[in-house]
C-alpha atoms as a PDB file:
ATOM      1  CA  UNK A   1      62.198  42.775  24.615  1.00  0.00           C
ATOM      2  CA  UNK A   2      63.205  41.013  27.855  1.00  0.00           C
ATOM      3  CA  UNK A   3      63.898  44.389  29.597  1.00  0.00           C
ATOM      4  CA  UNK A   4      60.330  45.456  28.925  1.00  0.00           C
ATOM      5  CA  UNK A   5      57.743  44.704  31.768  1.00  0.00           C
ATOM      6  CA  UNK A   6      54.438  43.217  30.663  1.00  0.00           C
ATOM      7  CA  UNK A   7      52.289  46.221  31.592  1.00  0.00           C
ATOM      8  CA  UNK A   8      54.851  48.953  31.073  1.00  0.00           C
ATOM      9  CA  UNK A   9      52.661  50.607  28.515  1.00  0.00           C
ATOM     10  CA  UNK A  10      55.043  53.526  27.680  1.00  0.00           C
ATOM     11  CA  UNK A  11      57.954  51.197  26.975  1.00  0.00           C
ATOM     12  CA  UNK A  12      55.702  48.822  24.934  1.00  0.00           C
ATOM     13  CA  UNK A  13      54.388  51.587  22.834  1.00  0.00           C
ATOM     14  CA  UNK A  14      57.817  52.933  22.129  1.00  0.00           C
ATOM     15  CA  UNK A  15      59.063  49.498  21.218  1.00  0.00           C
ATOM     16  CA  UNK A  16      56.160  48.843  18.958  1.00  0.00           C
ATOM     17  CA  UNK A  17      56.701  52.202  17.133  1.00  0.00           C
ATOM     18  CA  UNK A  18      60.138  50.889  16.265  1.00  0.00           C
ATOM     19  CA  UNK A  19      58.706  47.730  14.853  1.00  0.00           C
ATOM     20  CA  UNK A  20      59.073  45.269  17.641  1.00  0.00           C
ATOM     21  CA  UNK A  21      56.658  42.518  16.815  1.00  0.00           C
ATOM     22  CA  UNK A  22      56.982  40.763  20.231  1.00  0.00           C
ATOM     23  CA  UNK A  23      55.833  43.985  21.955  1.00  0.00           C
ATOM     24  CA  UNK A  24      53.023  44.323  19.556  1.00  0.00           C
ATOM     25  CA  UNK A  25      51.841  40.749  20.336  1.00  0.00           C
ATOM     26  CA  UNK A  26      51.916  41.515  24.088  1.00  0.00           C
ATOM     27  CA  UNK A  27      49.740  44.531  23.460  1.00  0.00           C
ATOM     28  CA  UNK A  28      47.325  42.512  21.304  1.00  0.00           C
ATOM     29  CA  UNK A  29      47.057  39.853  23.895  1.00  0.00           C
ATOM     30  CA  UNK A  30      46.217  42.407  26.573  1.00  0.00           C
ATOM     31  CA  UNK A  31      43.486  44.217  24.613  1.00  0.00           C
ATOM     32  CA  UNK A  32      42.009  41.974  21.925  1.00  0.00           C
ATOM     33  CA  UNK A  33      39.221  40.640  24.027  1.00  0.00           C
ATOM     34  CA  UNK A  34      37.774  44.153  24.682  1.00  0.00           C
ATOM     35  CA  UNK A  35      37.401  44.778  20.934  1.00  0.00           C
ATOM     36  CA  UNK A  36      36.008  41.295  20.351  1.00  0.00           C
ATOM     37  CA  UNK A  37      33.420  41.699  23.122  1.00  0.00           C
ATOM     38  CA  UNK A  38      32.177  45.074  21.901  1.00  0.00           C
ATOM     39  CA  UNK A  39      32.160  43.852  18.285  1.00  0.00           C
ATOM     40  CA  UNK A  40      30.252  40.830  19.163  1.00  0.00           C
ATOM     41  CA  UNK A  41      27.761  42.852  21.121  1.00  0.00           C
ATOM     42  CA  UNK A  42      26.834  44.988  18.047  1.00  0.00           C
ATOM     43  CA  UNK A  43      27.256  42.454  15.281  1.00  0.00           C
ATOM     44  CA  UNK A  44      26.053  39.252  16.952  1.00  0.00           C
ATOM     45  CA  UNK A  45      28.502  37.405  14.736  1.00  0.00           C
ATOM     46  CA  UNK A  46      31.714  35.734  15.928  1.00  0.00           C
ATOM     47  CA  UNK A  47      33.269  35.929  12.428  1.00  0.00           C
ATOM     48  CA  UNK A  48      32.555  39.517  11.930  1.00  0.00           C
ATOM     49  CA  UNK A  49      33.785  40.320  15.515  1.00  0.00           C
ATOM     50  CA  UNK A  50      36.982  38.508  14.915  1.00  0.00           C
ATOM     51  CA  UNK A  51      37.474  40.296  11.564  1.00  0.00           C
ATOM     52  CA  UNK A  52      36.958  43.592  13.357  1.00  0.00           C
ATOM     53  CA  UNK A  53      39.694  42.723  15.971  1.00  0.00           C
ATOM     54  CA  UNK A  54      42.068  41.911  13.243  1.00  0.00           C
ATOM     55  CA  UNK A  55      41.313  44.964  11.191  1.00  0.00           C
ATOM     56  CA  UNK A  56      41.695  47.293  14.252  1.00  0.00           C
ATOM     57  CA  UNK A  57      45.117  45.891  15.252  1.00  0.00           C
ATOM     58  CA  UNK A  58      46.323  45.893  11.644  1.00  0.00           C
ATOM     59  CA  UNK A  59      45.419  49.557  11.465  1.00  0.00           C
ATOM     60  CA  UNK A  60      47.373  50.155  14.760  1.00  0.00           C
ATOM     61  CA  UNK A  61      50.358  48.196  13.501  1.00  0.00           C
ATOM     62  CA  UNK A  62      50.416  50.132  10.161  1.00  0.00           C
ATOM     63  CA  UNK A  63      50.387  53.357  12.035  1.00  0.00           C
ATOM     64  CA  UNK A  64      52.796  52.171  14.792  1.00  0.00           C
ATOM     65  CA  UNK A  65      55.012  55.287  14.296  1.00  0.00           C
ATOM     66  CA  UNK A  66      52.356  57.247  16.052  1.00  0.00           C
ATOM     67  CA  UNK A  67      52.365  55.149  19.142  1.00  0.00           C
ATOM     68  CA  UNK A  68      55.500  56.675  20.682  1.00  0.00           C
ATOM     69  CA  UNK A  69      53.519  59.920  21.170  1.00  0.00           C
ATOM     70  CA  UNK A  70      50.341  58.181  22.523  1.00  0.00           C
ATOM     71  CA  UNK A  71      49.898  58.991  26.228  1.00  0.00           C
ATOM     72  CA  UNK A  72      47.022  56.727  27.027  1.00  0.00           C
ATOM     73  CA  UNK A  73      46.589  53.661  24.765  1.00  0.00           C
ATOM     74  CA  UNK A  74      43.042  52.942  26.005  1.00  0.00           C
ATOM     75  CA  UNK A  75      41.854  56.294  24.571  1.00  0.00           C
ATOM     76  CA  UNK A  76      43.790  55.785  21.346  1.00  0.00           C
ATOM     77  CA  UNK A  77      42.332  52.286  21.008  1.00  0.00           C
ATOM     78  CA  UNK A  78      38.863  53.482  21.612  1.00  0.00           C
ATOM     79  CA  UNK A  79      39.097  55.976  18.749  1.00  0.00           C
ATOM     80  CA  UNK A  80      40.502  53.498  16.383  1.00  0.00           C
ATOM     81  CA  UNK A  81      37.908  50.794  17.338  1.00  0.00           C
ATOM     82  CA  UNK A  82      34.934  53.093  17.378  1.00  0.00           C
ATOM     83  CA  UNK A  83      35.770  54.496  13.871  1.00  0.00           C
ATOM     84  CA  UNK A  84      36.260  51.023  12.507  1.00  0.00           C
ATOM     85  CA  UNK A  85      33.003  49.786  14.005  1.00  0.00           C
ATOM     86  CA  UNK A  86      31.112  52.729  12.548  1.00  0.00           C
ATOM     87  CA  UNK A  87      32.693  52.127   9.120  1.00  0.00           C
ATOM     88  CA  UNK A  88      32.043  48.348   9.185  1.00  0.00           C
ATOM     89  CA  UNK A  89      28.318  48.756  10.159  1.00  0.00           C
ATOM     90  CA  UNK A  90      27.795  51.396   7.527  1.00  0.00           C
ATOM     91  CA  UNK A  91      29.055  49.032   4.979  1.00  0.00           C
ATOM     92  CA  UNK A  92      26.750  46.254   6.276  1.00  0.00           C
ATOM     93  CA  UNK A  93      23.479  48.341   6.484  1.00  0.00           C
ATOM     94  CA  UNK A  94      22.221  46.675   3.331  1.00  0.00           C
ATOM     95  CA  UNK A  95      23.086  43.121   4.606  1.00  0.00           C
ATOM     96  CA  UNK A  96      22.079  43.824   8.202  1.00  0.00           C
ATOM     97  CA  UNK A  97      19.339  46.433   8.643  1.00  0.00           C
ATOM     98  CA  UNK A  98      19.711  46.411  12.426  1.00  0.00           C
ATOM     99  CA  UNK A  99      22.952  48.158  12.003  1.00  0.00           C
ATOM    100  CA  UNK A 100      21.333  51.319  10.577  1.00  0.00           C
ATOM    101  CA  UNK A 101      20.234  52.842  13.909  1.00  0.00           C
ATOM    102  CA  UNK A 102      23.673  52.030  15.549  1.00  0.00           C
ATOM    103  CA  UNK A 103      25.462  53.919  12.763  1.00  0.00           C
ATOM    104  CA  UNK A 104      23.327  56.985  13.191  1.00  0.00           C
ATOM    105  CA  UNK A 105      23.557  56.670  16.971  1.00  0.00           C
ATOM    106  CA  UNK A 106      27.346  56.577  17.019  1.00  0.00           C
ATOM    107  CA  UNK A 107      27.496  59.521  14.519  1.00  0.00           C
ATOM    108  CA  UNK A 108      25.390  61.662  16.824  1.00  0.00           C
ATOM    109  CA  UNK A 109      26.836  60.708  20.214  1.00  0.00           C
ATOM    110  CA  UNK A 110      30.442  60.768  19.131  1.00  0.00           C
ATOM    111  CA  UNK A 111      30.230  64.672  19.230  1.00  0.00           C
ATOM    112  CA  UNK A 112      29.203  64.714  22.870  1.00  0.00           C
ATOM    113  CA  UNK A 113      31.900  66.874  24.508  1.00  0.00           C
ATOM    114  CA  UNK A 114      32.052  65.266  27.865  1.00  0.00           C
ATOM    115  CA  UNK A 115      32.386  61.546  27.041  1.00  0.00           C
ATOM    116  CA  UNK A 116      34.450  61.011  30.265  1.00  0.00           C
ATOM    117  CA  UNK A 117      31.537  62.161  32.359  1.00  0.00           C
ATOM    118  CA  UNK A 118      29.360  59.637  30.575  1.00  0.00           C
ATOM    119  CA  UNK A 119      31.783  56.881  31.273  1.00  0.00           C
ATOM    120  CA  UNK A 120      32.035  57.870  34.924  1.00  0.00           C
ATOM    121  CA  UNK A 121      28.300  57.652  35.304  1.00  0.00           C
ATOM    122  CA  UNK A 122      28.446  54.335  33.597  1.00  0.00           C
ATOM    123  CA  UNK A 123      31.249  53.176  36.031  1.00  0.00           C
ATOM    124  CA  UNK A 124      28.835  53.852  38.846  1.00  0.00           C
ATOM    125  CA  UNK A 125      26.331  51.540  37.398  1.00  0.00           C
ATOM    126  CA  UNK A 126      29.070  49.008  36.803  1.00  0.00           C
ATOM    127  CA  UNK A 127      30.017  49.172  40.561  1.00  0.00           C
ATOM    128  CA  UNK A 128      26.277  48.598  41.428  1.00  0.00           C
ATOM    129  CA  UNK A 129      26.187  45.527  39.222  1.00  0.00           C
ATOM    130  CA  UNK A 130      29.497  44.163  40.705  1.00  0.00           C
ATOM    131  CA  UNK A 131      27.993  44.536  44.236  1.00  0.00           C
ATOM    132  CA  UNK A 132      25.226  42.062  43.020  1.00  0.00           C
ATOM    133  CA  UNK A 133      27.606  39.289  41.885  1.00  0.00           C
ATOM    134  CA  UNK A 134      28.268  36.225  43.797  1.00  0.00           C
ATOM    135  CA  UNK A 135      31.397  36.525  45.984  1.00  0.00           C
ATOM    136  CA  UNK A 136      33.811  34.455  43.807  1.00  0.00           C
ATOM    137  CA  UNK A 137      32.658  36.276  40.500  1.00  0.00           C
ATOM    138  CA  UNK A 138      33.078  39.538  42.301  1.00  0.00           C
ATOM    139  CA  UNK A 139      36.592  38.629  43.343  1.00  0.00           C
ATOM    140  CA  UNK A 140      37.691  37.400  39.943  1.00  0.00           C
ATOM    141  CA  UNK A 141      36.259  40.590  38.244  1.00  0.00           C
ATOM    142  CA  UNK A 142      38.135  42.707  40.723  1.00  0.00           C
ATOM    143  CA  UNK A 143      41.433  40.906  40.144  1.00  0.00           C
ATOM    144  CA  UNK A 144      40.996  41.056  36.349  1.00  0.00           C
ATOM    145  CA  UNK A 145      39.494  44.378  35.642  1.00  0.00           C
ATOM    146  CA  UNK A 146      40.567  46.449  38.603  1.00  0.00           C
ATOM    147  CA  UNK A 147      43.918  45.035  39.317  1.00  0.00           C
ATOM    148  CA  UNK A 148      44.785  43.992  35.728  1.00  0.00           C
ATOM    149  CA  UNK A 149      45.864  40.331  36.595  1.00  0.00           C
ATOM    150  CA  UNK A 150      45.861  37.835  33.689  1.00  0.00           C
ATOM    151  CA  UNK A 151      43.818  34.612  33.860  1.00  0.00           C
ATOM    152  CA  UNK A 152      46.963  32.617  34.713  1.00  0.00           C
ATOM    153  CA  UNK A 153      47.862  35.045  37.608  1.00  0.00           C
ATOM    154  CA  UNK A 154      44.323  34.857  38.988  1.00  0.00           C
ATOM    155  CA  UNK A 155      44.399  31.062  38.770  1.00  0.00           C
ATOM    156  CA  UNK A 156      47.662  30.906  40.735  1.00  0.00           C
ATOM    157  CA  UNK A 157      46.420  33.541  43.262  1.00  0.00           C
ATOM    158  CA  UNK A 158      43.146  31.817  44.032  1.00  0.00           C
ATOM    159  CA  UNK A 159      44.376  28.226  43.534  1.00  0.00           C
ATOM    160  CA  UNK A 160      41.703  27.382  40.971  1.00  0.00           C
ATOM    161  CA  UNK A 161      42.007  26.364  37.396  1.00  0.00           C
ATOM    162  CA  UNK A 162      42.301  28.820  34.531  1.00  0.00           C
ATOM    163  CA  UNK A 163      39.116  27.553  33.052  1.00  0.00           C
ATOM    164  CA  UNK A 164      37.300  28.150  36.313  1.00  0.00           C
ATOM    165  CA  UNK A 165      38.572  31.709  36.378  1.00  0.00           C
ATOM    166  CA  UNK A 166      37.475  32.219  32.781  1.00  0.00           C
ATOM    167  CA  UNK A 167      34.010  30.910  33.601  1.00  0.00           C
ATOM    168  CA  UNK A 168      33.584  33.211  36.681  1.00  0.00           C
ATOM    169  CA  UNK A 169      34.766  36.243  34.592  1.00  0.00           C
ATOM    170  CA  UNK A 170      32.507  35.396  31.586  1.00  0.00           C
ATOM    171  CA  UNK A 171      29.500  35.088  33.888  1.00  0.00           C
ATOM    172  CA  UNK A 172      30.390  38.355  35.701  1.00  0.00           C
ATOM    173  CA  UNK A 173      30.796  40.286  32.488  1.00  0.00           C
ATOM    174  CA  UNK A 174      27.644  39.015  30.995  1.00  0.00           C
ATOM    175  CA  UNK A 175      25.705  39.952  34.142  1.00  0.00           C
ATOM    176  CA  UNK A 176      27.220  43.528  34.231  1.00  0.00           C
ATOM    177  CA  UNK A 177      26.440  44.055  30.650  1.00  0.00           C
ATOM    178  CA  UNK A 178      22.872  42.949  31.013  1.00  0.00           C
ATOM    179  CA  UNK A 179      22.583  45.211  34.016  1.00  0.00           C
ATOM    180  CA  UNK A 180      23.887  48.121  32.064  1.00  0.00           C
ATOM    181  CA  UNK A 181      21.513  47.449  29.147  1.00  0.00           C
ATOM    182  CA  UNK A 182      18.668  47.633  31.609  1.00  0.00           C
ATOM    183  CA  UNK A 183      19.767  50.746  33.370  1.00  0.00           C
ATOM    184  CA  UNK A 184      21.951  52.969  31.040  1.00  0.00           C
ATOM    185  CA  UNK A 185      19.869  55.410  28.795  1.00  0.00           C
ATOM    186  CA  UNK A 186      22.781  55.587  26.340  1.00  0.00           C
ATOM    187  CA  UNK A 187      23.798  51.934  26.786  1.00  0.00           C
ATOM    188  CA  UNK A 188      25.382  51.444  23.354  1.00  0.00           C
ATOM    189  CA  UNK A 189      27.989  54.165  23.629  1.00  0.00           C
ATOM    190  CA  UNK A 190      28.539  53.694  27.289  1.00  0.00           C
ATOM    191  CA  UNK A 191      29.150  49.947  27.000  1.00  0.00           C
ATOM    192  CA  UNK A 192      31.412  50.424  24.047  1.00  0.00           C
ATOM    193  CA  UNK A 193      33.431  53.182  25.882  1.00  0.00           C
ATOM    194  CA  UNK A 194      33.805  51.141  28.980  1.00  0.00           C
ATOM    195  CA  UNK A 195      34.646  47.837  27.441  1.00  0.00           C
ATOM    196  CA  UNK A 196      37.466  49.338  25.567  1.00  0.00           C
ATOM    197  CA  UNK A 197      38.720  51.244  28.698  1.00  0.00           C
ATOM    198  CA  UNK A 198      38.835  47.791  30.352  1.00  0.00           C
ATOM    199  CA  UNK A 199      36.035  48.165  32.753  1.00  0.00           C
ATOM    200  CA  UNK A 200      34.032  45.503  31.046  1.00  0.00           C
END
Protein backbone atom coordinates (compact mmCIF):
# COMPACT_ATOMS: atom_id res chain seq x y z
CA UNK A 1 0.00 0.00 0.00
CA UNK A 2 2.86 2.40 0.71
CA UNK A 3 3.73 2.55 -2.99
CA UNK A 4 0.29 3.94 -3.86
CA UNK A 5 -0.08 7.72 -3.92
CA UNK A 6 -3.19 9.07 -2.09
CA UNK A 7 -4.85 10.37 -5.25
CA UNK A 8 -3.61 7.81 -7.76
CA UNK A 9 -7.13 6.66 -8.54
CA UNK A 10 -6.21 3.96 -11.04
CA UNK A 11 -3.77 2.33 -8.63
CA UNK A 12 -6.24 2.60 -5.75
CA UNK A 13 -9.05 0.98 -7.71
CA UNK A 14 -6.79 -1.82 -8.90
CA UNK A 15 -5.63 -2.43 -5.35
CA UNK A 16 -9.18 -2.43 -3.99
CA UNK A 17 -10.29 -4.87 -6.67
CA UNK A 18 -7.72 -7.26 -5.21
CA UNK A 19 -9.15 -6.84 -1.72
CA UNK A 20 -6.84 -4.20 -0.22
CA UNK A 21 -8.81 -2.77 2.71
CA UNK A 22 -6.34 0.06 3.33
CA UNK A 23 -6.85 1.33 -0.22
CA UNK A 24 -10.61 1.08 0.20
CA UNK A 25 -10.41 3.11 3.42
CA UNK A 26 -8.48 5.81 1.55
CA UNK A 27 -11.10 5.89 -1.20
CA UNK A 28 -13.88 6.04 1.39
CA UNK A 29 -12.26 8.94 3.24
CA UNK A 30 -11.91 10.91 0.00
CA UNK A 31 -15.52 10.47 -1.15
CA UNK A 32 -17.83 9.72 1.82
CA UNK A 33 -18.69 13.35 2.55
CA UNK A 34 -20.13 13.83 -0.94
CA UNK A 35 -22.60 11.00 -0.49
CA UNK A 36 -23.47 12.16 3.01
CA UNK A 37 -24.09 15.72 1.80
CA UNK A 38 -26.46 14.76 -0.96
CA UNK A 39 -28.23 12.13 1.18
CA UNK A 40 -28.75 14.72 3.91
CA UNK A 41 -30.07 17.21 1.37
CA UNK A 42 -32.86 14.87 0.33
CA UNK A 43 -33.63 12.96 3.53
CA UNK A 44 -33.12 15.75 6.10
CA UNK A 45 -31.90 13.04 8.49
CA UNK A 46 -28.33 12.53 9.73
CA UNK A 47 -29.09 8.93 10.63
CA UNK A 48 -30.56 8.01 7.24
CA UNK A 49 -27.76 9.88 5.45
CA UNK A 50 -25.12 7.95 7.40
CA UNK A 51 -26.87 4.68 6.60
CA UNK A 52 -26.90 5.59 2.91
CA UNK A 53 -23.18 6.31 2.94
CA UNK A 54 -22.47 2.96 4.57
CA UNK A 55 -24.77 1.09 2.18
CA UNK A 56 -23.28 2.72 -0.92
CA UNK A 57 -19.72 1.86 0.05
CA UNK A 58 -20.68 -1.65 1.16
CA UNK A 59 -22.07 -2.18 -2.34
CA UNK A 60 -18.87 -0.84 -3.86
CA UNK A 61 -16.78 -3.16 -1.69
CA UNK A 62 -18.92 -6.20 -2.44
CA UNK A 63 -18.54 -5.47 -6.16
CA UNK A 64 -14.87 -4.48 -5.88
CA UNK A 65 -13.85 -6.88 -8.65
CA UNK A 66 -15.45 -4.42 -11.11
CA UNK A 67 -13.26 -1.52 -10.00
CA UNK A 68 -10.21 -2.53 -12.00
CA UNK A 69 -12.16 -1.72 -15.19
CA UNK A 70 -13.63 1.57 -13.93
CA UNK A 71 -12.12 4.52 -15.76
CA UNK A 72 -13.74 7.36 -13.81
CA UNK A 73 -14.68 6.54 -10.24
CA UNK A 74 -16.76 9.71 -9.86
CA UNK A 75 -19.07 8.52 -12.64
CA UNK A 76 -19.24 5.03 -11.13
CA UNK A 77 -19.95 6.46 -7.68
CA UNK A 78 -22.68 8.69 -9.13
CA UNK A 79 -24.51 5.71 -10.60
CA UNK A 80 -24.26 3.59 -7.45
CA UNK A 81 -25.29 6.46 -5.18
CA UNK A 82 -28.14 7.65 -7.38
CA UNK A 83 -29.61 4.15 -7.65
CA UNK A 84 -29.32 3.60 -3.92
CA UNK A 85 -30.94 6.95 -3.07
CA UNK A 86 -33.83 6.24 -5.43
CA UNK A 87 -34.29 2.78 -3.92
CA UNK A 88 -34.15 4.06 -0.34
CA UNK A 89 -36.59 6.90 -0.96
CA UNK A 90 -38.99 4.54 -2.70
CA UNK A 91 -39.05 2.32 0.40
CA UNK A 92 -39.69 5.33 2.63
CA UNK A 93 -42.55 6.85 0.67
CA UNK A 94 -45.10 5.62 3.22
CA UNK A 95 -43.07 6.97 6.13
CA UNK A 96 -41.98 10.18 4.42
CA UNK A 97 -44.43 11.51 1.80
CA UNK A 98 -42.00 14.24 0.74
CA UNK A 99 -39.88 11.55 -0.92
CA UNK A 100 -42.59 10.63 -3.42
CA UNK A 101 -41.95 13.47 -5.85
CA UNK A 102 -38.18 12.95 -5.58
CA UNK A 103 -38.46 9.32 -6.60
CA UNK A 104 -40.57 10.17 -9.64
CA UNK A 105 -38.31 13.09 -10.47
CA UNK A 106 -35.17 10.99 -10.48
CA UNK A 107 -36.88 8.23 -12.48
CA UNK A 108 -37.82 10.72 -15.19
CA UNK A 109 -34.62 12.73 -15.33
CA UNK A 110 -32.28 9.73 -15.16
CA UNK A 111 -33.13 9.10 -18.82
CA UNK A 112 -31.90 12.50 -19.99
CA UNK A 113 -29.18 11.70 -22.60
CA UNK A 114 -26.98 14.70 -21.97
CA UNK A 115 -26.42 14.64 -18.23
CA UNK A 116 -22.91 16.06 -18.71
CA UNK A 117 -24.35 19.14 -20.43
CA UNK A 118 -26.70 19.62 -17.50
CA UNK A 119 -23.80 19.44 -15.08
CA UNK A 120 -21.71 21.87 -17.12
CA UNK A 121 -24.56 24.37 -16.96
CA UNK A 122 -24.72 23.85 -13.21
CA UNK A 123 -20.94 24.30 -12.95
CA UNK A 124 -21.40 27.76 -14.46
CA UNK A 125 -23.89 28.58 -11.70
CA UNK A 126 -21.42 27.24 -9.14
CA UNK A 127 -18.73 29.59 -10.48
CA UNK A 128 -21.16 32.50 -10.17
CA UNK A 129 -21.84 31.54 -6.55
CA UNK A 130 -18.14 31.13 -5.77
CA UNK A 131 -17.47 34.67 -7.02
CA UNK A 132 -19.92 35.94 -4.40
CA UNK A 133 -18.14 34.22 -1.50
CA UNK A 134 -15.94 36.14 0.97
CA UNK A 135 -12.25 35.91 -0.07
CA UNK A 136 -11.22 33.34 2.57
CA UNK A 137 -14.18 31.05 1.84
CA UNK A 138 -13.46 31.39 -1.87
CA UNK A 139 -9.83 30.40 -1.35
CA UNK A 140 -10.65 27.41 0.87
CA UNK A 141 -13.29 26.20 -1.60
CA UNK A 142 -10.81 26.47 -4.47
CA UNK A 143 -8.10 24.55 -2.61
CA UNK A 144 -10.56 21.84 -1.55
CA UNK A 145 -12.81 21.32 -4.53
CA UNK A 146 -10.73 22.55 -7.44
CA UNK A 147 -7.24 21.51 -6.31
CA UNK A 148 -8.27 18.45 -4.28
CA UNK A 149 -6.39 19.33 -1.09
CA UNK A 150 -7.41 17.77 2.21
CA UNK A 151 -8.44 19.81 5.24
CA UNK A 152 -5.05 19.14 6.82
CA UNK A 153 -3.21 20.26 3.68
CA UNK A 154 -5.27 23.46 3.45
CA UNK A 155 -4.68 24.14 7.13
CA UNK A 156 -0.93 23.83 6.64
CA UNK A 157 -0.91 25.87 3.43
CA UNK A 158 -2.92 28.76 4.88
CA UNK A 159 -1.51 28.53 8.42
CA UNK A 160 -4.95 28.31 9.99
CA UNK A 161 -6.52 25.59 12.12
CA UNK A 162 -8.25 22.58 10.60
CA UNK A 163 -11.49 23.61 12.34
CA UNK A 164 -11.28 27.05 10.75
CA UNK A 165 -10.77 25.46 7.33
CA UNK A 166 -13.76 23.19 7.92
CA UNK A 167 -15.89 26.14 9.01
CA UNK A 168 -15.01 28.16 5.89
CA UNK A 169 -15.70 25.20 3.62
CA UNK A 170 -19.01 24.37 5.31
CA UNK A 171 -20.21 27.96 4.97
CA UNK A 172 -19.07 28.12 1.34
CA UNK A 173 -20.83 24.88 0.38
CA UNK A 174 -24.01 25.94 2.17
CA UNK A 175 -24.08 29.25 0.29
CA UNK A 176 -23.39 27.59 -3.07
CA UNK A 177 -26.15 25.03 -2.58
CA UNK A 178 -28.60 27.73 -1.54
CA UNK A 179 -27.61 29.69 -4.66
CA UNK A 180 -28.19 26.67 -6.87
CA UNK A 181 -31.56 25.96 -5.31
CA UNK A 182 -32.60 29.51 -6.11
CA UNK A 183 -31.26 29.46 -9.68
CA UNK A 184 -31.31 25.92 -11.11
CA UNK A 185 -34.54 24.75 -12.73
CA UNK A 186 -33.52 21.11 -12.27
CA UNK A 187 -31.88 21.70 -8.93
CA UNK A 188 -32.34 18.27 -7.34
CA UNK A 189 -30.61 16.31 -10.10
CA UNK A 190 -28.02 18.99 -10.77
CA UNK A 191 -27.01 19.27 -7.13
CA UNK A 192 -26.83 15.49 -6.74
CA UNK A 193 -24.68 15.15 -9.84
CA UNK A 194 -22.30 17.95 -8.94
CA UNK A 195 -21.88 16.95 -5.30
CA UNK A 196 -20.85 13.45 -6.31
CA UNK A 197 -18.51 14.79 -8.97
CA UNK A 198 -16.85 16.81 -6.24
CA UNK A 199 -17.93 20.26 -7.33
CA UNK A 200 -20.00 20.67 -4.17
